[in-house]
Amino acid sequence: MAHLNVKPDPAYLKYAAMMKTRHHYFRWTPRTARLTFIYVAVVPSIMGYIAYKTDENLPRHHPSSQLVLLSSSCAQNRYLDLLGESL
């Protein structure tokens, strides 16, 4: 099966080359430092604060209740070890 004989768009090739080497031209400026700080520290802090404050509003179940959801058998084994039971 033959390949298409289509010449790629030069603008797209230039864009692809720029994306490939973008990290070579990065410089820390006040703007990039500010944006990095916002996305690495401020946004996760706000999300963590909201999660911490709204966590109290969620229903809680007694540890021996069957409604406790466990994500893996390893977590289930640790949970049963805490209760003093075994499978």
PDB file of N, CA and C in Angstrom:
ATOM      1  N   MET A   1       0.848  -1.171   0.000  1.00  0.00           N
ATOM      2  CA  MET A   1       0.000   0.000   0.000  1.00  0.00           C
ATOM      3  C   MET A   1       0.897   1.238   0.000  1.00  0.00           C
ATOM      4  N   ALA A   2       0.643   2.142  -0.878  1.00  0.00           N
ATOM      5  CA  ALA A   2       1.472   3.332  -1.035  1.00  0.00           C
ATOM      6  C   ALA A   2       1.072   4.397  -0.018  1.00  0.00           C
ATOM      7  N   HIS A   3       2.051   5.184   0.379  1.00  0.00           N
ATOM      8  CA  HIS A   3       1.788   6.295   1.281  1.00  0.00           C
ATOM      9  C   HIS A   3       1.304   7.489   0.469  1.00  0.00           C
ATOM     10  N   LEU A   4       0.601   8.373   1.151  1.00  0.00           N
ATOM     11  CA  LEU A   4       0.130   9.574   0.474  1.00  0.00           C
ATOM     12  C   LEU A   4       1.309  10.493   0.179  1.00  0.00           C
ATOM     13  N   ASN A   5       1.319  11.052  -0.978  1.00  0.00           N
ATOM     14  CA  ASN A   5       2.375  11.984  -1.367  1.00  0.00           C
ATOM     15  C   ASN A   5       1.898  13.414  -1.131  1.00  0.00           C
ATOM     16  N   VAL A   6       1.744  13.750   0.130  1.00  0.00           N
ATOM     17  CA  VAL A   6       1.275  15.077   0.500  1.00  0.00           C
ATOM     18  C   VAL A   6       2.380  15.760   1.289  1.00  0.00           C
ATOM     19  N   LYS A   7       2.732  16.957   0.871  1.00  0.00           N
ATOM     20  CA  LYS A   7       3.749  17.714   1.590  1.00  0.00           C
ATOM     21  C   LYS A   7       3.105  18.355   2.820  1.00  0.00           C
ATOM     22  N   PRO A   8       3.696  18.147   4.022  1.00  0.00           N
ATOM     23  CA  PRO A   8       3.100  18.744   5.220  1.00  0.00           C
ATOM     24  C   PRO A   8       3.182  20.263   5.198  1.00  0.00           C
ATOM     25  N   ASP A   9       2.274  20.870   5.895  1.00  0.00           N
ATOM     26  CA  ASP A   9       2.211  22.324   5.979  1.00  0.00           C
ATOM     27  C   ASP A   9       3.461  22.863   6.684  1.00  0.00           C
ATOM     28  N   PRO A  10       4.183  23.808   6.082  1.00  0.00           N
ATOM     29  CA  PRO A  10       5.395  24.347   6.712  1.00  0.00           C
ATOM     30  C   PRO A  10       5.126  25.026   8.058  1.00  0.00           C
ATOM     31  N   ALA A  11       3.975  25.650   8.193  1.00  0.00           N
ATOM     32  CA  ALA A  11       3.650  26.297   9.466  1.00  0.00           C
ATOM     33  C   ALA A  11       3.489  25.249  10.564  1.00  0.00           C
ATOM     34  N   TYR A  12       2.879  24.119  10.216  1.00  0.00           N
ATOM     35  CA  TYR A  12       2.727  23.044  11.196  1.00  0.00           C
ATOM     36  C   TYR A  12       4.088  22.460  11.574  1.00  0.00           C
ATOM     37  N   LEU A  13       4.976  22.286  10.614  1.00  0.00           N
ATOM     38  CA  LEU A  13       6.310  21.767  10.903  1.00  0.00           C
ATOM     39  C   LEU A  13       7.080  22.717  11.821  1.00  0.00           C
ATOM     40  N   LYS A  14       6.951  24.016  11.582  1.00  0.00           N
ATOM     41  CA  LYS A  14       7.617  25.008  12.423  1.00  0.00           C
ATOM     42  C   LYS A  14       7.045  24.967  13.839  1.00  0.00           C
ATOM     43  N   TYR A  15       5.724  24.839  13.936  1.00  0.00           N
ATOM     44  CA  TYR A  15       5.065  24.754  15.243  1.00  0.00           C
ATOM     45  C   TYR A  15       5.513  23.498  15.992  1.00  0.00           C
ATOM     46  N   ALA A  16       5.582  22.366  15.307  1.00  0.00           N
ATOM     47  CA  ALA A  16       6.006  21.116  15.935  1.00  0.00           C
ATOM     48  C   ALA A  16       7.445  21.214  16.424  1.00  0.00           C
ATOM     49  N   ALA A  17       8.313  21.832  15.643  1.00  0.00           N
ATOM     50  CA  ALA A  17       9.705  22.003  16.050  1.00  0.00           C
ATOM     51  C   ALA A  17       9.802  22.927  17.265  1.00  0.00           C
ATOM     52  N   MET A  18       8.974  23.961  17.296  1.00  0.00           N
ATOM     53  CA  MET A  18       8.979  24.873  18.429  1.00  0.00           C
ATOM     54  C   MET A  18       8.511  24.160  19.698  1.00  0.00           C
ATOM     55  N   MET A  19       7.474  23.351  19.596  1.00  0.00           N
ATOM     56  CA  MET A  19       6.963  22.625  20.752  1.00  0.00           C
ATOM     57  C   MET A  19       7.990  21.629  21.275  1.00  0.00           C
ATOM     58  N   LYS A  20       8.767  21.069  20.382  1.00  0.00           N
ATOM     59  CA  LYS A  20       9.765  20.068  20.764  1.00  0.00           C
ATOM     60  C   LYS A  20      10.910  20.690  21.555  1.00  0.00           C
ATOM     61  N   THR A  21      11.261  21.929  21.256  1.00  0.00           N
ATOM     62  CA  THR A  21      12.408  22.571  21.904  1.00  0.00           C
ATOM     63  C   THR A  21      12.005  23.725  22.820  1.00  0.00           C
ATOM     64  N   ARG A  22      10.755  23.776  23.213  1.00  0.00           N
ATOM     65  CA  ARG A  22      10.272  24.897  24.022  1.00  0.00           C
ATOM     66  C   ARG A  22      11.028  25.016  25.342  1.00  0.00           C
ATOM     67  N   HIS A  23      11.376  23.903  25.966  1.00  0.00           N
ATOM     68  CA  HIS A  23      12.043  23.956  27.265  1.00  0.00           C
ATOM     69  C   HIS A  23      13.442  24.563  27.181  1.00  0.00           C
ATOM     70  N   HIS A  24      14.039  24.597  26.005  1.00  0.00           N
ATOM     71  CA  HIS A  24      15.362  25.208  25.868  1.00  0.00           C
ATOM     72  C   HIS A  24      15.317  26.726  26.032  1.00  0.00           C
ATOM     73  N   TYR A  25      14.174  27.315  25.786  1.00  0.00           N
ATOM     74  CA  TYR A  25      14.048  28.768  25.794  1.00  0.00           C
ATOM     75  C   TYR A  25      13.322  29.306  27.024  1.00  0.00           C
ATOM     76  N   PHE A  26      13.017  28.429  27.989  1.00  0.00           N
ATOM     77  CA  PHE A  26      12.309  28.872  29.191  1.00  0.00           C
ATOM     78  C   PHE A  26      13.235  29.699  30.079  1.00  0.00           C
ATOM     79  N   ARG A  27      12.708  30.807  30.596  1.00  0.00           N
ATOM     80  CA  ARG A  27      13.451  31.637  31.537  1.00  0.00           C
ATOM     81  C   ARG A  27      12.529  31.975  32.706  1.00  0.00           C
ATOM     82  N   TRP A  28      13.116  31.972  33.909  1.00  0.00           N
ATOM     83  CA  TRP A  28      12.344  32.400  35.064  1.00  0.00           C
ATOM     84  C   TRP A  28      12.223  33.921  35.038  1.00  0.00           C
ATOM     85  N   THR A  29      11.011  34.363  34.947  1.00  0.00           N
ATOM     86  CA  THR A  29      10.716  35.788  35.005  1.00  0.00           C
ATOM     87  C   THR A  29       9.748  35.996  36.161  1.00  0.00           C
ATOM     88  N   PRO A  30       9.504  37.227  36.569  1.00  0.00           N
ATOM     89  CA  PRO A  30       8.519  37.433  37.637  1.00  0.00           C
ATOM     90  C   PRO A  30       7.152  36.828  37.296  1.00  0.00           C
ATOM     91  N   ARG A  31       6.778  36.895  36.042  1.00  0.00           N
ATOM     92  CA  ARG A  31       5.479  36.345  35.636  1.00  0.00           C
ATOM     93  C   ARG A  31       5.454  34.827  35.761  1.00  0.00           C
ATOM     94  N   THR A  32       6.492  34.140  35.257  1.00  0.00           N
ATOM     95  CA  THR A  32       6.495  32.676  35.333  1.00  0.00           C
ATOM     96  C   THR A  32       6.635  32.206  36.776  1.00  0.00           C
ATOM     97  N   ALA A  33       7.394  32.933  37.594  1.00  0.00           N
ATOM     98  CA  ALA A  33       7.517  32.568  39.006  1.00  0.00           C
ATOM     99  C   ALA A  33       6.177  32.717  39.715  1.00  0.00           C
ATOM    100  N   ARG A  34       5.467  33.798  39.430  1.00  0.00           N
ATOM    101  CA  ARG A  34       4.161  34.027  40.050  1.00  0.00           C
ATOM    102  C   ARG A  34       3.165  32.954  39.632  1.00  0.00           C
ATOM    103  N   LEU A  35       3.104  32.649  38.340  1.00  0.00           N
ATOM    104  CA  LEU A  35       2.179  31.617  37.873  1.00  0.00           C
ATOM    105  C   LEU A  35       2.520  30.246  38.451  1.00  0.00           C
ATOM    106  N   THR A  36       3.798  29.925  38.528  1.00  0.00           N
ATOM    107  CA  THR A  36       4.204  28.649  39.103  1.00  0.00           C
ATOM    108  C   THR A  36       3.800  28.568  40.565  1.00  0.00           C
ATOM    109  N   PHE A  37       4.033  29.630  41.317  1.00  0.00           N
ATOM    110  CA  PHE A  37       3.647  29.644  42.724  1.00  0.00           C
ATOM    111  C   PHE A  37       2.139  29.481  42.881  1.00  0.00           C
ATOM    112  N   ILE A  38       1.375  30.150  42.033  1.00  0.00           N
ATOM    113  CA  ILE A  38      -0.081  30.051  42.124  1.00  0.00           C
ATOM    114  C   ILE A  38      -0.542  28.623  41.860  1.00  0.00           C
ATOM    115  N   TYR A  39      -0.035  27.998  40.804  1.00  0.00           N
ATOM    116  CA  TYR A  39      -0.502  26.664  40.440  1.00  0.00           C
ATOM    117  C   TYR A  39       0.080  25.559  41.312  1.00  0.00           C
ATOM    118  N   VAL A  40       1.232  25.792  41.948  1.00  0.00           N
ATOM    119  CA  VAL A  40       1.849  24.749  42.764  1.00  0.00           C
ATOM    120  C   VAL A  40       1.465  24.888  44.235  1.00  0.00           C
ATOM    121  N   ALA A  41       1.238  26.083  44.724  1.00  0.00           N
ATOM    122  CA  ALA A  41       0.980  26.270  46.150  1.00  0.00           C
ATOM    123  C   ALA A  41      -0.419  26.801  46.456  1.00  0.00           C
ATOM    124  N   VAL A  42      -0.836  27.846  45.787  1.00  0.00           N
ATOM    125  CA  VAL A  42      -2.093  28.507  46.148  1.00  0.00           C
ATOM    126  C   VAL A  42      -3.307  27.652  45.793  1.00  0.00           C
ATOM    127  N   VAL A  43      -3.385  27.174  44.572  1.00  0.00           N
ATOM    128  CA  VAL A  43      -4.552  26.393  44.144  1.00  0.00           C
ATOM    129  C   VAL A  43      -4.690  25.109  44.963  1.00  0.00           C
ATOM    130  N   PRO A  44      -3.625  24.296  45.151  1.00  0.00           N
ATOM    131  CA  PRO A  44      -3.788  23.108  45.992  1.00  0.00           C
ATOM    132  C   PRO A  44      -4.137  23.444  47.446  1.00  0.00           C
ATOM    133  N   SER A  45      -3.618  24.558  47.967  1.00  0.00           N
ATOM    134  CA  SER A  45      -3.957  24.953  49.335  1.00  0.00           C
ATOM    135  C   SER A  45      -5.438  25.287  49.455  1.00  0.00           C
ATOM    136  N   ILE A  46      -5.960  26.002  48.493  1.00  0.00           N
ATOM    137  CA  ILE A  46      -7.387  26.346  48.507  1.00  0.00           C
ATOM    138  C   ILE A  46      -8.234  25.087  48.397  1.00  0.00           C
ATOM    139  N   MET A  47      -7.863  24.192  47.498  1.00  0.00           N
ATOM    140  CA  MET A  47      -8.621  22.946  47.341  1.00  0.00           C
ATOM    141  C   MET A  47      -8.540  22.095  48.612  1.00  0.00           C
ATOM    142  N   GLY A  48      -7.370  22.042  49.237  1.00  0.00           N
ATOM    143  CA  GLY A  48      -7.227  21.295  50.483  1.00  0.00           C
ATOM    144  C   GLY A  48      -8.049  21.898  51.603  1.00  0.00           C
ATOM    145  N   TYR A  49      -8.080  23.206  51.690  1.00  0.00           N
ATOM    146  CA  TYR A  49      -8.878  23.886  52.709  1.00  0.00           C
ATOM    147  C   TYR A  49     -10.363  23.595  52.512  1.00  0.00           C
ATOM    148  N   ILE A  50     -10.820  23.676  51.271  1.00  0.00           N
ATOM    149  CA  ILE A  50     -12.228  23.384  50.983  1.00  0.00           C
ATOM    150  C   ILE A  50     -12.546  21.934  51.325  1.00  0.00           C
ATOM    151  N   ALA A  51     -11.662  21.014  50.959  1.00  0.00           N
ATOM    152  CA  ALA A  51     -11.889  19.598  51.262  1.00  0.00           C
ATOM    153  C   ALA A  51     -11.911  19.364  52.767  1.00  0.00           C
ATOM    154  N   TYR A  52     -11.015  20.022  53.495  1.00  0.00           N
ATOM    155  CA  TYR A  52     -10.962  19.853  54.949  1.00  0.00           C
ATOM    156  C   TYR A  52     -12.228  20.390  55.602  1.00  0.00           C
ATOM    157  N   LYS A  53     -12.696  21.546  55.146  1.00  0.00           N
ATOM    158  CA  LYS A  53     -13.880  22.152  55.748  1.00  0.00           C
ATOM    159  C   LYS A  53     -15.162  21.397  55.401  1.00  0.00           C
ATOM    160  N   THR A  54     -15.252  20.829  54.220  1.00  0.00           N
ATOM    161  CA  THR A  54     -16.473  20.115  53.835  1.00  0.00           C
ATOM    162  C   THR A  54     -16.435  18.655  54.251  1.00  0.00           C
ATOM    163  N   ASP A  55     -15.302  18.162  54.724  1.00  0.00           N
ATOM    164  CA  ASP A  55     -15.198  16.769  55.137  1.00  0.00           C
ATOM    165  C   ASP A  55     -16.079  16.486  56.344  1.00  0.00           C
ATOM    166  N   GLU A  56     -16.312  17.477  57.194  1.00  0.00           N
ATOM    167  CA  GLU A  56     -17.140  17.291  58.376  1.00  0.00           C
ATOM    168  C   GLU A  56     -18.597  17.032  58.009  1.00  0.00           C
ATOM    169  N   ASN A  57     -19.014  17.466  56.858  1.00  0.00           N
ATOM    170  CA  ASN A  57     -20.408  17.343  56.463  1.00  0.00           C
ATOM    171  C   ASN A  57     -20.753  15.979  55.885  1.00  0.00           C
ATOM    172  N   LEU A  58     -19.750  15.146  55.628  1.00  0.00           N
ATOM    173  CA  LEU A  58     -20.012  13.843  55.039  1.00  0.00           C
ATOM    174  C   LEU A  58     -20.481  12.866  56.107  1.00  0.00           C
ATOM    175  N   PRO A  59     -21.365  11.919  55.738  1.00  0.00           N
ATOM    176  CA  PRO A  59     -21.838  10.946  56.732  1.00  0.00           C
ATOM    177  C   PRO A  59     -20.714  10.002  57.147  1.00  0.00           C
ATOM    178  N   ARG A  60     -20.683   9.658  58.408  1.00  0.00           N
ATOM    179  CA  ARG A  60     -19.694   8.730  58.942  1.00  0.00           C
ATOM    180  C   ARG A  60     -20.388   7.426  59.316  1.00  0.00           C
ATOM    181  N   HIS A  61     -19.656   6.338  59.202  1.00  0.00           N
ATOM    182  CA  HIS A  61     -20.200   5.031  59.540  1.00  0.00           C
ATOM    183  C   HIS A  61     -19.369   4.428  60.657  1.00  0.00           C
ATOM    184  N   HIS A  62     -19.999   3.592  61.430  1.00  0.00           N
ATOM    185  CA  HIS A  62     -19.282   2.880  62.485  1.00  0.00           C
ATOM    186  C   HIS A  62     -18.272   1.948  61.835  1.00  0.00           C
ATOM    187  N   PRO A  63     -17.068   1.787  62.407  1.00  0.00           N
ATOM    188  CA  PRO A  63     -16.040   0.959  61.756  1.00  0.00           C
ATOM    189  C   PRO A  63     -16.467  -0.481  61.498  1.00  0.00           C
ATOM    190  N   SER A  64     -17.361  -1.018  62.316  1.00  0.00           N
ATOM    191  CA  SER A  64     -17.775  -2.405  62.099  1.00  0.00           C
ATOM    192  C   SER A  64     -18.947  -2.508  61.123  1.00  0.00           C
ATOM    193  N   SER A  65     -19.414  -1.379  60.610  1.00  0.00           N
ATOM    194  CA  SER A  65     -20.536  -1.373  59.678  1.00  0.00           C
ATOM    195  C   SER A  65     -20.130  -1.965  58.335  1.00  0.00           C
ATOM    196  N   GLN A  66     -21.084  -2.560  57.652  1.00  0.00           N
ATOM    197  CA  GLN A  66     -20.828  -3.126  56.334  1.00  0.00           C
ATOM    198  C   GLN A  66     -20.794  -2.044  55.258  1.00  0.00           C
ATOM    199  N   LEU A  67     -21.122  -0.810  55.592  1.00  0.00           N
ATOM    200  CA  LEU A  67     -21.168   0.257  54.605  1.00  0.00           C
ATOM    201  C   LEU A  67     -19.806   0.890  54.343  1.00  0.00           C
ATOM    202  N   VAL A  68     -18.803   0.505  55.106  1.00  0.00           N
ATOM    203  CA  VAL A  68     -17.463   1.044  54.890  1.00  0.00           C
ATOM    204  C   VAL A  68     -16.921   0.460  53.599  1.00  0.00           C
ATOM    205  N   LEU A  69     -16.523   1.314  52.680  1.00  0.00           N
ATOM    206  CA  LEU A  69     -16.017   0.857  51.393  1.00  0.00           C
ATOM    207  C   LEU A  69     -14.504   0.773  51.440  1.00  0.00           C
ATOM    208  N   LEU A  70     -13.979  -0.360  51.008  1.00  0.00           N
ATOM    209  CA  LEU A  70     -12.535  -0.558  50.976  1.00  0.00           C
ATOM    210  C   LEU A  70     -12.107  -0.708  49.534  1.00  0.00           C
ATOM    211  N   SER A  71     -11.025  -0.046  49.180  1.00  0.00           N
ATOM    212  CA  SER A  71     -10.621  -0.012  47.781  1.00  0.00           C
ATOM    213  C   SER A  71      -9.828  -1.224  47.347  1.00  0.00           C
ATOM    214  N   SER A  72      -9.181  -1.932  48.267  1.00  0.00           N
ATOM    215  CA  SER A  72      -8.383  -3.077  47.851  1.00  0.00           C
ATOM    216  C   SER A  72      -8.353  -4.110  48.955  1.00  0.00           C
ATOM    217  N   SER A  73      -7.938  -5.313  48.598  1.00  0.00           N
ATOM    218  CA  SER A  73      -7.864  -6.370  49.595  1.00  0.00           C
ATOM    219  C   SER A  73      -6.782  -6.060  50.622  1.00  0.00           C
ATOM    220  N   CYS A  74      -5.723  -5.355  50.211  1.00  0.00           N
ATOM    221  CA  CYS A  74      -4.664  -4.967  51.144  1.00  0.00           C
ATOM    222  C   CYS A  74      -5.235  -4.027  52.203  1.00  0.00           C
ATOM    223  N   ALA A  75      -6.033  -3.058  51.776  1.00  0.00           N
ATOM    224  CA  ALA A  75      -6.659  -2.145  52.722  1.00  0.00           C
ATOM    225  C   ALA A  75      -7.637  -2.903  53.608  1.00  0.00           C
ATOM    226  N   GLN A  76      -8.327  -3.880  53.048  1.00  0.00           N
ATOM    227  CA  GLN A  76      -9.268  -4.675  53.827  1.00  0.00           C
ATOM    228  C   GLN A  76      -8.523  -5.478  54.887  1.00  0.00           C
ATOM    229  N   ASN A  77      -7.377  -6.048  54.532  1.00  0.00           N
ATOM    230  CA  ASN A  77      -6.598  -6.804  55.509  1.00  0.00           C
ATOM    231  C   ASN A  77      -6.106  -5.905  56.637  1.00  0.00           C
ATOM    232  N   ARG A  78      -5.650  -4.702  56.301  1.00  0.00           N
ATOM    233  CA  ARG A  78      -5.212  -3.769  57.336  1.00  0.00           C
ATOM    234  C   ARG A  78      -6.382  -3.363  58.223  1.00  0.00           C
ATOM    235  N   TYR A  79      -7.550  -3.187  57.632  1.00  0.00           N
ATOM    236  CA  TYR A  79      -8.742  -2.820  58.379  1.00  0.00           C
ATOM    237  C   TYR A  79      -9.124  -3.936  59.336  1.00  0.00           C
ATOM    238  N   LEU A  80      -9.087  -5.184  58.858  1.00  0.00           N
ATOM    239  CA  LEU A  80      -9.438  -6.307  59.716  1.00  0.00           C
ATOM    240  C   LEU A  80      -8.397  -6.523  60.807  1.00  0.00           C
ATOM    241  N   ASP A  81      -7.132  -6.242  60.508  1.00  0.00           N
ATOM    242  CA  ASP A  81      -6.096  -6.346  61.531  1.00  0.00           C
ATOM    243  C   ASP A  81      -6.350  -5.350  62.656  1.00  0.00           C
ATOM    244  N   LEU A  82      -6.828  -4.171  62.301  1.00  0.00           N
ATOM    245  CA  LEU A  82      -7.132  -3.179  63.324  1.00  0.00           C
ATOM    246  C   LEU A  82      -8.285  -3.635  64.208  1.00  0.00           C
ATOM    247  N   LEU A  83      -9.229  -4.360  63.620  1.00  0.00           N
ATOM    248  CA  LEU A  83     -10.363  -4.861  64.389  1.00  0.00           C
ATOM    249  C   LEU A  83     -10.019  -6.128  65.160  1.00  0.00           C
ATOM    250  N   GLY A  84      -8.888  -6.751  64.842  1.00  0.00           N
ATOM    251  CA  GLY A  84      -8.495  -7.980  65.514  1.00  0.00           C
ATOM    252  C   GLY A  84      -9.135  -9.209  64.904  1.00  0.00           C
ATOM    253  N   GLU A  85      -9.588  -9.101  63.679  1.00  0.00           N
ATOM    254  CA  GLU A  85     -10.229 -10.224  62.996  1.00  0.00           C
ATOM    255  C   GLU A  85      -9.332 -10.680  61.858  1.00  0.00           C
ATOM    256  N   SER A  86      -9.658 -11.810  61.288  1.00  0.00           N
ATOM    257  CA  SER A  86      -8.922 -12.295  60.125  1.00  0.00           C
ATOM    258  C   SER A  86      -9.912 -12.838  59.114  1.00  0.00           C
ATOM    259  N   LEU A  87      -9.452 -12.994  57.876  1.00  0.00           N
ATOM    260  CA  LEU A  87     -10.341 -13.495  56.817  1.00  0.00           C
ATOM    261  C   LEU A  87     -10.623 -14.956  56.959  1.00  0.00           C
TER     262      LEU A  87
END
